[in-house]
Amino acid sequence: MVKSVTIDSSVIISSLLPNEKRHEEACHIWNKVLSGETPAVMPYSVLVEVVASIRRRTGSELLAVEVQKALEGISSLSFVMLDSRTAVRACRVATKTGLRGMDALVVQVAKEYKSELITFDSEMLQKAASVL
């Protein structure tokens, strides 16, 4: 069975914006999800972060909406709802690691679904190591 991944918004954003430093690497990672080769599971907060970032960085409301629709339509990508159980567990992750709130949600999903965490945020990777 193919192991699923939890991809942080940093990677998705880098794959969408050609001027990003790690664009090629991000495209390689993201194309595996798009092709269905690698299933992905992420909290809905990643969707919000990506859409908001695309809007801010490009100035295009239309592009942000298109990105949202595209992400929601990817069959190999599952978004996880934030419920009270997940929130409490993410709080534990944040408390133990010192991660920011949204990062703790991403790490919690990776932990809960036993998926590989992929991010370009080195601080997030370092801190997440103690709980994954």
N, C-alpha and C. Protein backbone atom coordinates (compact mmCIF):
# COMPACT_ATOMS: atom_id res chain seq x y z
N MET A 1 0.83 -1.18 0.00
CA MET A 1 0.00 0.00 0.00
C MET A 1 0.88 1.26 0.00
N VAL A 2 0.50 2.24 -0.78
CA VAL A 2 1.23 3.49 -0.86
C VAL A 2 0.94 4.33 0.38
N LYS A 3 1.99 4.82 1.00
CA LYS A 3 1.84 5.65 2.19
C LYS A 3 1.32 7.03 1.77
N SER A 4 0.39 7.54 2.55
CA SER A 4 -0.12 8.87 2.25
C SER A 4 0.83 9.93 2.81
N VAL A 5 0.63 11.15 2.33
CA VAL A 5 1.43 12.28 2.77
C VAL A 5 0.52 13.38 3.30
N THR A 6 1.07 14.19 4.17
CA THR A 6 0.40 15.41 4.61
C THR A 6 1.33 16.54 4.18
N ILE A 7 0.83 17.35 3.26
CA ILE A 7 1.66 18.39 2.66
C ILE A 7 1.27 19.75 3.23
N ASP A 8 2.27 20.44 3.71
CA ASP A 8 2.07 21.78 4.25
C ASP A 8 1.83 22.77 3.10
N SER A 9 1.16 23.85 3.43
CA SER A 9 0.84 24.86 2.42
C SER A 9 2.09 25.41 1.73
N SER A 10 3.23 25.43 2.41
CA SER A 10 4.45 25.96 1.81
C SER A 10 4.81 25.23 0.52
N VAL A 11 4.59 23.95 0.47
CA VAL A 11 4.92 23.16 -0.72
C VAL A 11 3.91 23.42 -1.84
N ILE A 12 2.64 23.45 -1.49
CA ILE A 12 1.61 23.67 -2.51
C ILE A 12 1.77 25.06 -3.12
N ILE A 13 1.97 26.06 -2.29
CA ILE A 13 2.15 27.42 -2.79
C ILE A 13 3.37 27.50 -3.70
N SER A 14 4.47 26.88 -3.29
CA SER A 14 5.67 26.88 -4.13
C SER A 14 5.44 26.19 -5.47
N SER A 15 4.58 25.19 -5.48
CA SER A 15 4.30 24.50 -6.76
C SER A 15 3.46 25.37 -7.70
N LEU A 16 2.68 26.28 -7.13
CA LEU A 16 1.78 27.11 -7.94
C LEU A 16 2.42 28.40 -8.43
N LEU A 17 3.47 28.85 -7.77
CA LEU A 17 4.09 30.13 -8.11
C LEU A 17 5.51 29.90 -8.65
N PRO A 18 5.70 30.07 -9.95
CA PRO A 18 7.00 29.78 -10.59
C PRO A 18 8.18 30.58 -10.03
N ASN A 19 7.95 31.71 -9.41
CA ASN A 19 9.06 32.51 -8.89
C ASN A 19 9.54 32.07 -7.51
N GLU A 20 8.90 31.05 -6.93
CA GLU A 20 9.32 30.55 -5.63
C GLU A 20 10.64 29.78 -5.76
N LYS A 21 11.50 29.88 -4.72
CA LYS A 21 12.83 29.25 -4.75
C LYS A 21 12.79 27.75 -5.03
N ARG A 22 11.87 27.06 -4.40
CA ARG A 22 11.83 25.60 -4.50
C ARG A 22 10.70 25.12 -5.41
N HIS A 23 10.40 25.91 -6.41
CA HIS A 23 9.27 25.63 -7.31
C HIS A 23 9.39 24.25 -7.97
N GLU A 24 10.53 23.95 -8.54
CA GLU A 24 10.69 22.66 -9.24
C GLU A 24 10.51 21.47 -8.30
N GLU A 25 11.12 21.55 -7.15
CA GLU A 25 10.99 20.49 -6.14
C GLU A 25 9.53 20.35 -5.71
N ALA A 26 8.87 21.49 -5.50
CA ALA A 26 7.46 21.47 -5.09
C ALA A 26 6.59 20.84 -6.17
N CYS A 27 6.86 21.18 -7.42
CA CYS A 27 6.09 20.60 -8.53
C CYS A 27 6.25 19.09 -8.57
N HIS A 28 7.45 18.61 -8.36
CA HIS A 28 7.71 17.17 -8.36
C HIS A 28 6.87 16.48 -7.27
N ILE A 29 6.86 17.05 -6.08
CA ILE A 29 6.08 16.49 -4.96
C ILE A 29 4.59 16.56 -5.27
N TRP A 30 4.13 17.72 -5.68
CA TRP A 30 2.70 17.96 -5.90
C TRP A 30 2.16 17.14 -7.07
N ASN A 31 2.97 16.95 -8.11
CA ASN A 31 2.52 16.17 -9.27
C ASN A 31 2.23 14.72 -8.91
N LYS A 32 2.91 14.20 -7.91
CA LYS A 32 2.63 12.83 -7.45
C LYS A 32 1.23 12.74 -6.85
N VAL A 33 0.81 13.80 -6.17
CA VAL A 33 -0.55 13.84 -5.62
C VAL A 33 -1.55 14.01 -6.76
N LEU A 34 -1.28 14.94 -7.65
CA LEU A 34 -2.19 15.22 -8.76
C LEU A 34 -2.42 13.99 -9.64
N SER A 35 -1.36 13.21 -9.83
CA SER A 35 -1.47 12.02 -10.68
C SER A 35 -2.14 10.85 -9.98
N GLY A 36 -2.32 10.96 -8.67
CA GLY A 36 -2.91 9.87 -7.90
C GLY A 36 -1.89 8.87 -7.41
N GLU A 37 -0.62 9.09 -7.74
CA GLU A 37 0.45 8.18 -7.31
C GLU A 37 0.60 8.19 -5.79
N THR A 38 0.42 9.36 -5.19
CA THR A 38 0.57 9.51 -3.74
C THR A 38 -0.68 10.17 -3.18
N PRO A 39 -1.44 9.46 -2.36
CA PRO A 39 -2.61 10.08 -1.73
C PRO A 39 -2.17 11.07 -0.65
N ALA A 40 -2.97 12.10 -0.46
CA ALA A 40 -2.65 13.12 0.53
C ALA A 40 -3.83 13.37 1.45
N VAL A 41 -3.52 13.67 2.69
CA VAL A 41 -4.53 14.02 3.69
C VAL A 41 -4.02 15.26 4.42
N MET A 42 -4.89 16.28 4.51
CA MET A 42 -4.50 17.55 5.11
C MET A 42 -5.68 18.16 5.83
N PRO A 43 -5.41 18.99 6.84
CA PRO A 43 -6.51 19.70 7.47
C PRO A 43 -7.03 20.78 6.52
N TYR A 44 -8.29 21.15 6.68
CA TYR A 44 -8.86 22.22 5.85
C TYR A 44 -8.10 23.53 6.01
N SER A 45 -7.38 23.69 7.10
CA SER A 45 -6.60 24.92 7.29
C SER A 45 -5.58 25.11 6.17
N VAL A 46 -5.08 24.02 5.59
CA VAL A 46 -4.14 24.12 4.48
C VAL A 46 -4.83 24.73 3.26
N LEU A 47 -6.05 24.32 3.01
CA LEU A 47 -6.82 24.91 1.90
C LEU A 47 -6.94 26.42 2.09
N VAL A 48 -7.31 26.84 3.29
CA VAL A 48 -7.47 28.27 3.57
C VAL A 48 -6.14 29.00 3.41
N GLU A 49 -5.07 28.43 3.94
CA GLU A 49 -3.76 29.08 3.84
C GLU A 49 -3.32 29.24 2.39
N VAL A 50 -3.52 28.21 1.57
CA VAL A 50 -3.11 28.28 0.17
C VAL A 50 -3.93 29.32 -0.58
N VAL A 51 -5.23 29.28 -0.43
CA VAL A 51 -6.10 30.23 -1.14
C VAL A 51 -5.77 31.66 -0.73
N ALA A 52 -5.62 31.90 0.57
CA ALA A 52 -5.32 33.24 1.05
C ALA A 52 -3.96 33.72 0.54
N SER A 53 -2.98 32.83 0.52
CA SER A 53 -1.64 33.19 0.06
C SER A 53 -1.64 33.52 -1.44
N ILE A 54 -2.35 32.72 -2.21
CA ILE A 54 -2.43 32.98 -3.66
C ILE A 54 -3.08 34.33 -3.90
N ARG A 55 -4.11 34.64 -3.18
CA ARG A 55 -4.78 35.94 -3.33
C ARG A 55 -3.83 37.08 -2.97
N ARG A 56 -3.14 36.95 -1.84
CA ARG A 56 -2.21 38.00 -1.39
C ARG A 56 -1.04 38.17 -2.35
N ARG A 57 -0.46 37.07 -2.79
CA ARG A 57 0.77 37.14 -3.60
C ARG A 57 0.52 37.54 -5.05
N THR A 58 -0.65 37.19 -5.57
CA THR A 58 -0.92 37.51 -6.98
C THR A 58 -1.85 38.70 -7.13
N GLY A 59 -2.60 39.01 -6.09
CA GLY A 59 -3.58 40.09 -6.18
C GLY A 59 -4.85 39.67 -6.92
N SER A 60 -4.94 38.41 -7.31
CA SER A 60 -6.06 37.94 -8.12
C SER A 60 -7.08 37.15 -7.29
N GLU A 61 -8.24 37.74 -7.12
CA GLU A 61 -9.33 37.03 -6.45
C GLU A 61 -9.78 35.85 -7.30
N LEU A 62 -9.85 36.04 -8.61
CA LEU A 62 -10.28 34.98 -9.52
C LEU A 62 -9.34 33.78 -9.45
N LEU A 63 -8.05 34.02 -9.45
CA LEU A 63 -7.08 32.92 -9.37
C LEU A 63 -7.22 32.19 -8.03
N ALA A 64 -7.42 32.93 -6.96
CA ALA A 64 -7.60 32.30 -5.65
C ALA A 64 -8.81 31.37 -5.65
N VAL A 65 -9.90 31.80 -6.25
CA VAL A 65 -11.11 30.98 -6.33
C VAL A 65 -10.86 29.75 -7.20
N GLU A 66 -10.14 29.92 -8.30
CA GLU A 66 -9.82 28.79 -9.18
C GLU A 66 -8.95 27.76 -8.46
N VAL A 67 -7.99 28.24 -7.69
CA VAL A 67 -7.12 27.34 -6.92
C VAL A 67 -7.95 26.58 -5.89
N GLN A 68 -8.86 27.26 -5.22
CA GLN A 68 -9.72 26.60 -4.24
C GLN A 68 -10.52 25.48 -4.90
N LYS A 69 -11.16 25.79 -6.01
CA LYS A 69 -11.97 24.77 -6.71
C LYS A 69 -11.11 23.61 -7.17
N ALA A 70 -9.92 23.91 -7.69
CA ALA A 70 -9.03 22.85 -8.15
C ALA A 70 -8.62 21.94 -7.01
N LEU A 71 -8.24 22.53 -5.88
CA LEU A 71 -7.83 21.71 -4.73
C LEU A 71 -8.98 20.84 -4.22
N GLU A 72 -10.16 21.40 -4.18
CA GLU A 72 -11.31 20.64 -3.70
C GLU A 72 -11.69 19.52 -4.66
N GLY A 73 -11.26 19.60 -5.89
CA GLY A 73 -11.62 18.60 -6.89
C GLY A 73 -10.60 17.49 -7.10
N ILE A 74 -9.52 17.49 -6.35
CA ILE A 74 -8.48 16.47 -6.52
C ILE A 74 -8.89 15.20 -5.79
N SER A 75 -9.08 14.14 -6.54
CA SER A 75 -9.61 12.89 -5.96
C SER A 75 -8.62 12.20 -5.02
N SER A 76 -7.33 12.43 -5.20
CA SER A 76 -6.34 11.78 -4.34
C SER A 76 -6.00 12.62 -3.10
N LEU A 77 -6.78 13.68 -2.88
CA LEU A 77 -6.55 14.58 -1.77
C LEU A 77 -7.79 14.62 -0.87
N SER A 78 -7.58 14.33 0.41
CA SER A 78 -8.67 14.37 1.39
C SER A 78 -8.39 15.49 2.39
N PHE A 79 -9.38 16.34 2.59
CA PHE A 79 -9.27 17.37 3.61
C PHE A 79 -10.00 16.89 4.86
N VAL A 80 -9.40 17.15 6.02
CA VAL A 80 -9.92 16.72 7.31
C VAL A 80 -10.54 17.92 8.01
N MET A 81 -11.74 17.70 8.54
CA MET A 81 -12.44 18.75 9.28
C MET A 81 -11.83 18.89 10.67
N LEU A 82 -11.86 20.08 11.18
CA LEU A 82 -11.41 20.33 12.54
C LEU A 82 -12.59 20.17 13.48
N ASP A 83 -12.56 19.11 14.27
CA ASP A 83 -13.60 18.92 15.28
C ASP A 83 -12.94 19.07 16.65
N SER A 84 -13.72 18.93 17.71
CA SER A 84 -13.17 19.16 19.04
C SER A 84 -12.06 18.16 19.39
N ARG A 85 -12.20 16.93 18.96
CA ARG A 85 -11.19 15.91 19.24
C ARG A 85 -9.86 16.27 18.57
N THR A 86 -9.93 16.65 17.29
CA THR A 86 -8.72 17.02 16.57
C THR A 86 -8.11 18.29 17.16
N ALA A 87 -8.96 19.24 17.53
CA ALA A 87 -8.47 20.49 18.12
C ALA A 87 -7.71 20.22 19.42
N VAL A 88 -8.26 19.37 20.27
CA VAL A 88 -7.60 19.05 21.54
C VAL A 88 -6.27 18.35 21.28
N ARG A 89 -6.25 17.44 20.34
CA ARG A 89 -4.99 16.74 20.02
C ARG A 89 -3.97 17.70 19.42
N ALA A 90 -4.41 18.62 18.58
CA ALA A 90 -3.51 19.62 18.00
C ALA A 90 -2.97 20.55 19.09
N CYS A 91 -3.80 20.84 20.09
CA CYS A 91 -3.34 21.64 21.24
C CYS A 91 -2.21 20.92 21.96
N ARG A 92 -2.34 19.62 22.11
CA ARG A 92 -1.28 18.83 22.76
C ARG A 92 0.01 18.89 21.95
N VAL A 93 -0.14 18.79 20.63
CA VAL A 93 1.03 18.88 19.75
C VAL A 93 1.68 20.25 19.91
N ALA A 94 0.88 21.31 19.90
CA ALA A 94 1.41 22.67 20.05
C ALA A 94 2.10 22.85 21.39
N THR A 95 1.50 22.31 22.44
CA THR A 95 2.06 22.44 23.78
C THR A 95 3.40 21.71 23.88
N LYS A 96 3.44 20.51 23.34
CA LYS A 96 4.66 19.69 23.42
C LYS A 96 5.79 20.26 22.56
N THR A 97 5.45 20.76 21.36
CA THR A 97 6.48 21.14 20.39
C THR A 97 6.78 22.62 20.32
N GLY A 98 5.83 23.46 20.71
CA GLY A 98 6.00 24.90 20.54
C GLY A 98 5.67 25.38 19.14
N LEU A 99 5.00 24.53 18.35
CA LEU A 99 4.61 24.92 16.99
C LEU A 99 3.52 25.98 17.00
N ARG A 100 3.44 26.74 15.92
CA ARG A 100 2.33 27.68 15.72
C ARG A 100 1.05 26.87 15.55
N GLY A 101 -0.09 27.52 15.75
CA GLY A 101 -1.38 26.84 15.72
C GLY A 101 -1.68 26.09 14.43
N MET A 102 -1.55 26.74 13.29
CA MET A 102 -1.87 26.08 12.03
C MET A 102 -0.89 24.95 11.75
N ASP A 103 0.37 25.14 12.12
CA ASP A 103 1.36 24.08 11.93
C ASP A 103 1.04 22.88 12.82
N ALA A 104 0.57 23.13 14.03
CA ALA A 104 0.20 22.03 14.93
C ALA A 104 -0.95 21.22 14.34
N LEU A 105 -1.88 21.89 13.66
CA LEU A 105 -2.98 21.17 13.01
C LEU A 105 -2.45 20.25 11.91
N VAL A 106 -1.53 20.75 11.12
CA VAL A 106 -0.95 19.94 10.04
C VAL A 106 -0.22 18.74 10.62
N VAL A 107 0.57 18.96 11.64
CA VAL A 107 1.32 17.88 12.27
C VAL A 107 0.37 16.87 12.90
N GLN A 108 -0.68 17.33 13.54
CA GLN A 108 -1.65 16.43 14.14
C GLN A 108 -2.29 15.51 13.10
N VAL A 109 -2.62 16.07 11.95
CA VAL A 109 -3.21 15.24 10.88
C VAL A 109 -2.19 14.20 10.41
N ALA A 110 -0.95 14.62 10.23
CA ALA A 110 0.09 13.65 9.82
C ALA A 110 0.23 12.54 10.86
N LYS A 111 0.19 12.92 12.11
CA LYS A 111 0.30 11.94 13.20
C LYS A 111 -0.90 11.00 13.22
N GLU A 112 -2.08 11.58 13.17
CA GLU A 112 -3.31 10.79 13.26
C GLU A 112 -3.46 9.81 12.10
N TYR A 113 -3.09 10.24 10.91
CA TYR A 113 -3.26 9.39 9.73
C TYR A 113 -1.99 8.62 9.37
N LYS A 114 -0.97 8.74 10.22
CA LYS A 114 0.30 8.04 10.01
C LYS A 114 0.85 8.31 8.61
N SER A 115 0.76 9.56 8.22
CA SER A 115 1.24 9.95 6.91
C SER A 115 2.58 10.68 7.04
N GLU A 116 3.28 10.76 5.94
CA GLU A 116 4.57 11.45 5.91
C GLU A 116 4.32 12.96 5.83
N LEU A 117 4.93 13.70 6.72
CA LEU A 117 4.82 15.16 6.71
C LEU A 117 5.81 15.72 5.70
N ILE A 118 5.31 16.53 4.77
CA ILE A 118 6.17 17.19 3.79
C ILE A 118 5.95 18.69 3.90
N THR A 119 7.03 19.40 4.20
CA THR A 119 6.97 20.85 4.34
C THR A 119 8.32 21.44 3.96
N PHE A 120 8.32 22.70 3.57
CA PHE A 120 9.56 23.42 3.33
C PHE A 120 9.93 24.26 4.56
N ASP A 121 9.17 24.16 5.62
CA ASP A 121 9.39 24.90 6.85
C ASP A 121 10.30 24.06 7.76
N SER A 122 11.58 24.40 7.80
CA SER A 122 12.54 23.59 8.56
C SER A 122 12.25 23.59 10.05
N GLU A 123 11.77 24.71 10.58
CA GLU A 123 11.41 24.76 12.01
C GLU A 123 10.26 23.80 12.30
N MET A 124 9.29 23.76 11.42
CA MET A 124 8.16 22.84 11.60
C MET A 124 8.62 21.39 11.60
N LEU A 125 9.49 21.05 10.66
CA LEU A 125 10.01 19.67 10.59
C LEU A 125 10.77 19.30 11.85
N GLN A 126 11.61 20.21 12.30
CA GLN A 126 12.42 19.95 13.48
C GLN A 126 11.55 19.72 14.71
N LYS A 127 10.59 20.60 14.91
CA LYS A 127 9.73 20.50 16.09
C LYS A 127 8.78 19.31 16.00
N ALA A 128 8.31 18.99 14.80
CA ALA A 128 7.39 17.88 14.61
C ALA A 128 8.02 16.53 14.88
N ALA A 129 9.33 16.45 14.72
CA ALA A 129 10.03 15.17 14.87
C ALA A 129 9.78 14.52 16.24
N SER A 130 9.54 15.33 17.25
CA SER A 130 9.37 14.78 18.60
C SER A 130 8.00 14.12 18.80
N VAL A 131 7.06 14.38 17.90
CA VAL A 131 5.72 13.80 18.06
C VAL A 131 5.33 12.86 16.92
N LEU A 132 6.10 12.84 15.86
CA LEU A 132 5.76 11.96 14.73
C LEU A 132 6.54 10.65 14.82
